Amino acid sequence: MATVAAVIASTHHPFYYRASTATGADRPPFADEWVAKITAFRETLTKARPDILVMVGSDHFHQLWLDNMPQFLVGKAPYFDANWYNEEREFGLPRMRLAGDEQLAAHILRNGLDAGFDLAFSNELRIDHSITCPIITLRPDADLPIVPIYTNIFAPPLPRPGRFVELGRTIRQLVESWPIDKRVAIIGTGHLSLELGGPRQFGAHGPDPEFDRKAVDWIASGDIDGCLSEVTLDSLHLPGNATHGFMDFMLMMGVAGAGAKADHVDSLDLFHTMEAYFTWYPNGAPS
């Protein structure tokens, strides 16, 4: 059977690549601290020695639009092209081609349907920075096959937060039931409080530092019940107009399990958002 070698959750700031590679006067003052934190974070995946990455993210209206918006979608292809042209232009992200694992994708699809999740799929999925940013930060060689899973955090009606937690639990069960001896890391990215295009976008920190503090505590301690008691589709409008991406963090809490304390926790307050990084080792920290 497959082993969940690591569960990893993080934000996916698209400017990391440009900030980390900039030199001289173009290098932002926070870049060195950011790179140091990412270097330590990257080591948590390296130690897990994964063979395959299951990657949870959300399409930023690149391929999926209001004419066809699945709630949960699995990419099932031998390879995936990335990024999109505006991401190259605005963020300096490189073009990438990532290998896929069609066997694991097919297993997740078939058994996910049987578990009560009507998963959509795509054989021609082009992925964006919600998945390529954690590849850049955690596995910059991009040398492992992936299974991308997209969630709808943008286009109402959205699944409720509890449904994201349930999907996270199911993804872990599906991976652990795969009858192939592989080490799988499950990686998901989302947001803490986030404002895009609104009056709180460019503050000295995220738009709602108190929400960010509570969110980091919920995730780090595995307090799923406490999180669900406060987080609703309506409440997520309050910390910032793009904070529904936090539900992907809730999905990853479901993967890690109720009460699971993260083995690695770190964060960085940037000019308009808090970056946050978490790793769990379900079978104990690797030596």
Protein backbone atom coordinates (compact mmCIF):
# COMPACT_ATOMS: atom_id res chain seq x y z
CA MET A 1 0.00 0.00 0.00
CA ALA A 2 1.04 3.60 -0.51
CA THR A 3 2.36 5.60 2.43
CA VAL A 4 1.55 9.23 3.18
CA ALA A 5 5.10 10.39 3.73
CA ALA A 6 4.22 14.02 4.51
CA VAL A 7 1.29 16.40 4.64
CA ILE A 8 2.23 19.96 3.75
CA ALA A 9 0.19 23.16 3.68
CA SER A 10 1.33 26.62 2.67
CA THR A 11 0.40 29.89 1.09
CA HIS A 12 1.35 30.38 -2.57
CA HIS A 13 2.69 33.89 -3.04
CA PRO A 14 3.40 34.33 -6.77
CA PHE A 15 6.14 36.93 -6.17
CA TYR A 16 8.45 34.56 -4.28
CA TYR A 17 10.22 33.41 -7.43
CA ARG A 18 11.01 36.95 -8.55
CA ALA A 19 11.96 38.12 -5.06
CA SER A 20 14.25 35.15 -4.43
CA THR A 21 16.10 35.45 -7.73
CA ALA A 22 16.43 39.25 -7.83
CA THR A 23 19.84 40.82 -7.26
CA GLY A 24 21.26 44.24 -6.43
CA ALA A 25 18.83 47.13 -6.18
CA ASP A 26 16.01 44.93 -7.51
CA ARG A 27 16.18 42.57 -4.52
CA PRO A 28 13.50 43.47 -1.94
CA PRO A 29 14.65 43.97 1.66
CA PHE A 30 12.64 40.99 2.92
CA ALA A 31 14.00 38.54 0.34
CA ASP A 32 16.84 37.05 2.40
CA GLU A 33 14.59 36.25 5.37
CA TRP A 34 11.98 34.81 3.02
CA VAL A 35 14.52 32.60 1.26
CA ALA A 36 15.86 31.34 4.61
CA LYS A 37 12.37 30.34 5.73
CA ILE A 38 11.64 28.60 2.41
CA THR A 39 14.96 26.75 2.56
CA ALA A 40 14.04 25.30 5.97
CA PHE A 41 10.52 24.52 4.75
CA ARG A 42 11.85 22.76 1.65
CA GLU A 43 13.94 20.46 3.80
CA THR A 44 10.78 19.10 5.45
CA LEU A 45 9.69 17.66 2.09
CA THR A 46 13.17 16.46 1.16
CA LYS A 47 13.39 14.49 4.42
CA ALA A 48 10.13 12.72 3.60
CA ARG A 49 11.65 11.16 0.43
CA PRO A 50 8.42 11.25 -1.61
CA ASP A 51 7.92 9.45 -4.91
CA ILE A 52 4.75 11.32 -5.94
CA LEU A 53 3.12 14.63 -5.01
CA VAL A 54 -0.64 15.08 -4.71
CA MET A 55 -1.09 18.84 -5.16
CA VAL A 56 -4.21 20.68 -3.98
CA GLY A 57 -4.81 24.18 -5.31
CA SER A 58 -7.31 26.37 -7.11
CA ASP A 59 -7.45 27.67 -10.65
CA HIS A 60 -7.43 31.49 -10.70
CA PHE A 61 -9.93 31.70 -13.58
CA HIS A 62 -7.25 30.65 -16.05
CA GLN A 63 -8.71 27.44 -17.44
CA LEU A 64 -11.93 27.19 -15.46
CA TRP A 65 -14.54 29.91 -15.93
CA LEU A 66 -18.19 30.50 -15.17
CA ASP A 67 -19.28 28.49 -18.19
CA ASN A 68 -17.86 25.32 -16.58
CA MET A 69 -16.83 25.52 -12.92
CA PRO A 70 -16.43 22.16 -11.14
CA GLN A 71 -16.36 22.17 -7.37
CA PHE A 72 -13.54 19.60 -7.16
CA LEU A 73 -11.46 18.45 -10.13
CA VAL A 74 -8.64 15.92 -10.54
CA GLY A 75 -6.04 16.31 -13.27
CA LYS A 76 -5.46 12.99 -15.04
CA ALA A 77 -2.77 13.32 -17.69
CA PRO A 78 0.76 12.13 -18.46
CA TYR A 79 2.03 15.69 -18.13
CA PHE A 80 0.82 19.20 -17.26
CA ASP A 81 1.92 22.46 -18.81
CA ALA A 82 2.27 25.56 -16.60
CA ASN A 83 2.19 28.55 -16.01
CA TRP A 84 -0.17 31.00 -17.78
CA TYR A 85 0.93 33.99 -19.83
CA ASN A 86 -0.17 36.64 -17.36
CA GLU A 87 1.75 34.80 -14.61
CA GLU A 88 4.89 34.92 -16.72
CA ARG A 89 4.36 38.62 -17.43
CA GLU A 90 3.25 39.85 -13.99
CA PHE A 91 5.13 37.54 -11.63
CA GLY A 92 8.09 36.39 -13.74
CA LEU A 93 7.11 32.74 -13.28
CA PRO A 94 8.84 30.30 -15.63
CA ARG A 95 7.10 28.00 -18.06
CA MET A 96 7.07 24.46 -16.72
CA ARG A 97 6.04 20.97 -17.76
CA LEU A 98 5.32 18.59 -14.89
CA ALA A 99 4.92 14.83 -15.18
CA GLY A 100 1.62 13.36 -14.02
CA ASP A 101 0.80 10.04 -12.37
CA GLU A 102 -2.23 8.71 -14.21
CA GLN A 103 -2.49 5.57 -12.07
CA LEU A 104 -2.89 7.43 -8.80
CA ALA A 105 -5.19 9.99 -10.43
CA ALA A 106 -7.44 7.19 -11.72
CA HIS A 107 -7.48 5.57 -8.27
CA ILE A 108 -8.48 8.85 -6.61
CA LEU A 109 -11.20 9.46 -9.19
CA ARG A 110 -12.79 6.01 -9.10
CA ASN A 111 -12.66 5.60 -5.35
CA GLY A 112 -13.49 9.22 -4.67
CA LEU A 113 -16.74 8.76 -6.56
CA ASP A 114 -17.46 5.65 -4.53
CA ALA A 115 -16.75 7.60 -1.34
CA GLY A 116 -19.42 10.17 -2.13
CA PHE A 117 -17.46 12.92 -3.92
CA ASP A 118 -18.61 13.59 -7.48
CA LEU A 119 -15.16 14.55 -8.70
CA ALA A 120 -14.70 16.10 -12.13
CA PHE A 121 -11.58 15.36 -14.13
CA SER A 122 -9.52 16.83 -16.93
CA ASN A 123 -7.12 15.13 -19.33
CA GLU A 124 -5.95 18.52 -20.66
CA LEU A 125 -5.34 20.60 -17.56
CA ARG A 126 -2.91 23.49 -17.63
CA ILE A 127 -1.99 24.42 -14.08
CA ASP A 128 -1.29 27.79 -12.52
CA HIS A 129 0.65 29.28 -9.62
CA SER A 130 -1.45 27.68 -6.87
CA ILE A 131 0.38 24.46 -7.75
CA THR A 132 3.59 25.68 -9.39
CA CYS A 133 4.50 28.04 -6.53
CA PRO A 134 4.78 25.18 -4.01
CA ILE A 135 6.73 23.22 -6.61
CA ILE A 136 9.15 26.17 -6.87
CA THR A 137 9.47 26.52 -3.10
CA LEU A 138 9.45 22.85 -2.09
CA ARG A 139 10.80 20.91 -5.08
CA PRO A 140 12.44 23.36 -7.48
CA ASP A 141 13.91 20.56 -9.60
CA ALA A 142 10.29 19.61 -10.45
CA ASP A 143 11.44 16.01 -10.81
CA LEU A 144 8.48 14.17 -9.24
CA PRO A 145 5.15 13.23 -10.86
CA ILE A 146 2.09 15.03 -9.56
CA VAL A 147 -1.66 14.55 -9.26
CA PRO A 148 -3.26 18.01 -9.21
CA ILE A 149 -6.59 18.51 -7.44
CA TYR A 150 -8.41 21.80 -7.97
CA THR A 151 -11.04 23.21 -5.61
CA ASN A 152 -13.53 25.99 -6.24
CA ILE A 153 -12.83 28.85 -3.84
CA PHE A 154 -13.82 31.66 -6.20
CA ALA A 155 -17.16 31.17 -7.97
CA PRO A 156 -20.32 30.85 -5.82
CA PRO A 157 -22.03 28.67 -4.93
CA LEU A 158 -19.01 27.31 -3.08
CA PRO A 159 -18.80 24.08 -1.09
CA ARG A 160 -19.05 24.77 2.63
CA PRO A 161 -15.92 24.63 4.83
CA GLY A 162 -16.93 21.29 6.32
CA ARG A 163 -17.00 19.76 2.86
CA PHE A 164 -13.39 20.80 2.33
CA VAL A 165 -12.41 19.08 5.58
CA GLU A 166 -14.29 15.95 4.51
CA LEU A 167 -12.52 15.92 1.16
CA GLY A 168 -9.17 16.21 2.90
CA ARG A 169 -9.94 13.18 5.06
CA THR A 170 -11.07 11.29 1.97
CA ILE A 171 -7.96 12.16 -0.05
CA ARG A 172 -5.78 10.72 2.68
CA GLN A 173 -7.86 7.54 2.84
CA LEU A 174 -7.71 7.20 -0.94
CA VAL A 175 -3.93 7.59 -1.03
CA GLU A 176 -3.45 5.11 1.79
CA SER A 177 -5.69 2.59 0.01
CA TRP A 178 -3.72 2.75 -3.25
CA PRO A 179 -2.19 -0.74 -3.65
CA ILE A 180 1.17 0.53 -4.89
CA ASP A 181 4.27 0.73 -2.71
CA LYS A 182 4.98 4.45 -3.13
CA ARG A 183 5.67 7.32 -0.77
CA VAL A 184 3.19 10.12 -1.41
CA ALA A 185 3.35 13.67 -0.11
CA ILE A 186 0.02 15.51 -0.05
CA ILE A 187 0.57 19.24 -0.51
CA GLY A 188 -2.07 21.95 -0.49
CA THR A 189 -1.95 25.73 -0.76
CA GLY A 190 -4.39 28.45 0.15
CA HIS A 191 -4.62 31.86 1.81
CA LEU A 192 -4.89 33.36 5.23
CA SER A 193 -6.65 36.75 5.27
CA LEU A 194 -6.35 38.25 1.80
CA GLU A 195 -7.73 41.30 0.02
CA LEU A 196 -7.42 41.67 -3.75
CA GLY A 197 -8.34 44.95 -5.40
CA GLY A 198 -9.90 46.30 -2.20
CA PRO A 199 -8.93 49.09 0.21
CA ARG A 200 -7.02 46.75 2.53
CA GLN A 201 -4.82 45.14 -0.14
CA PHE A 202 -1.56 47.02 0.37
CA GLY A 203 -1.24 47.39 4.12
CA ALA A 204 1.84 46.66 6.19
CA HIS A 205 0.50 43.16 6.84
CA GLY A 206 -2.48 40.97 5.96
CA PRO A 207 -5.89 42.68 6.12
CA ASP A 208 -6.90 40.87 9.35
CA PRO A 209 -3.97 40.00 11.65
CA GLU A 210 -6.29 38.60 14.32
CA PHE A 211 -7.80 36.14 11.86
CA ASP A 212 -4.31 35.18 10.72
CA ARG A 213 -3.23 34.52 14.31
CA LYS A 214 -6.22 32.29 14.98
CA ALA A 215 -5.84 30.53 11.64
CA VAL A 216 -2.21 29.64 12.31
CA ASP A 217 -3.19 28.32 15.76
CA TRP A 218 -6.03 26.20 14.32
CA ILE A 219 -3.80 24.70 11.65
CA ALA A 220 -0.75 24.12 13.84
CA SER A 221 -2.79 22.41 16.59
CA GLY A 222 -5.18 20.49 14.32
CA ASP A 223 -8.18 22.21 15.94
CA ILE A 224 -10.69 21.31 13.25
CA ASP A 225 -13.72 21.63 15.53
CA GLY A 226 -12.66 25.07 16.77
CA CYS A 227 -12.06 26.21 13.22
CA LEU A 228 -15.40 24.89 11.95
CA SER A 229 -17.20 26.55 14.86
CA GLU A 230 -16.09 29.99 13.65
CA VAL A 231 -15.50 29.70 9.90
CA THR A 232 -18.46 29.86 7.52
CA LEU A 233 -18.89 30.98 3.93
CA ASP A 234 -20.31 34.27 5.23
CA SER A 235 -17.64 34.84 7.88
CA LEU A 236 -14.83 34.44 5.36
CA HIS A 237 -15.86 37.67 3.65
CA LEU A 238 -14.85 39.65 6.75
CA PRO A 239 -11.05 39.10 6.91
CA GLY A 240 -10.65 40.06 3.23
CA ASN A 241 -12.45 39.58 -0.04
CA ALA A 242 -10.24 36.65 -1.14
CA THR A 243 -10.08 34.80 2.18
CA HIS A 244 -12.19 31.88 0.97
CA GLY A 245 -8.86 30.36 -0.10
CA PHE A 246 -8.47 29.50 3.59
CA MET A 247 -10.79 26.57 2.93
CA ASP A 248 -7.90 24.83 1.15
CA PHE A 249 -5.99 25.08 4.43
CA MET A 250 -9.01 23.50 6.10
CA LEU A 251 -8.88 20.71 3.53
CA MET A 252 -5.27 20.08 4.51
CA MET A 253 -6.26 20.00 8.19
CA GLY A 254 -8.61 17.20 7.18
CA VAL A 255 -5.72 15.38 5.52
CA ALA A 256 -3.52 15.76 8.61
CA GLY A 257 -6.31 14.69 10.96
CA ALA A 258 -8.13 16.14 13.96
CA GLY A 259 -5.74 17.03 16.75
CA ALA A 260 -2.64 16.47 14.60
CA LYS A 261 0.01 18.94 15.68
CA ALA A 262 2.24 20.17 12.88
CA ASP A 263 5.89 19.11 13.02
CA HIS A 264 6.99 22.32 11.29
CA VAL A 265 5.31 25.72 11.64
CA ASP A 266 6.61 29.01 10.29
CA SER A 267 5.23 32.29 8.99
CA LEU A 268 6.32 35.61 7.55
CA ASP A 269 4.36 38.85 7.60
CA LEU A 270 4.76 40.55 4.24
CA PHE A 271 3.48 43.90 3.04
CA HIS A 272 -0.06 42.71 2.26
CA THR A 273 -0.33 39.13 3.42
CA MET A 274 0.98 36.64 5.95
CA GLU A 275 2.83 33.69 4.47
CA ALA A 276 2.50 30.46 6.46
CA TYR A 277 4.12 27.03 6.22
CA PHE A 278 3.15 23.74 7.91
CA THR A 279 4.38 20.15 7.68
CA TRP A 280 3.08 16.99 9.34
CA TYR A 281 4.66 13.53 9.30
CA PRO A 282 1.74 11.11 9.82
CA ASN A 283 4.08 8.16 10.41
CA GLY A 284 6.60 9.99 12.54
CA ALA A 285 9.41 12.35 11.61
CA PRO A 286 11.91 10.74 9.21
CA SER A 287 15.40 10.20 10.52
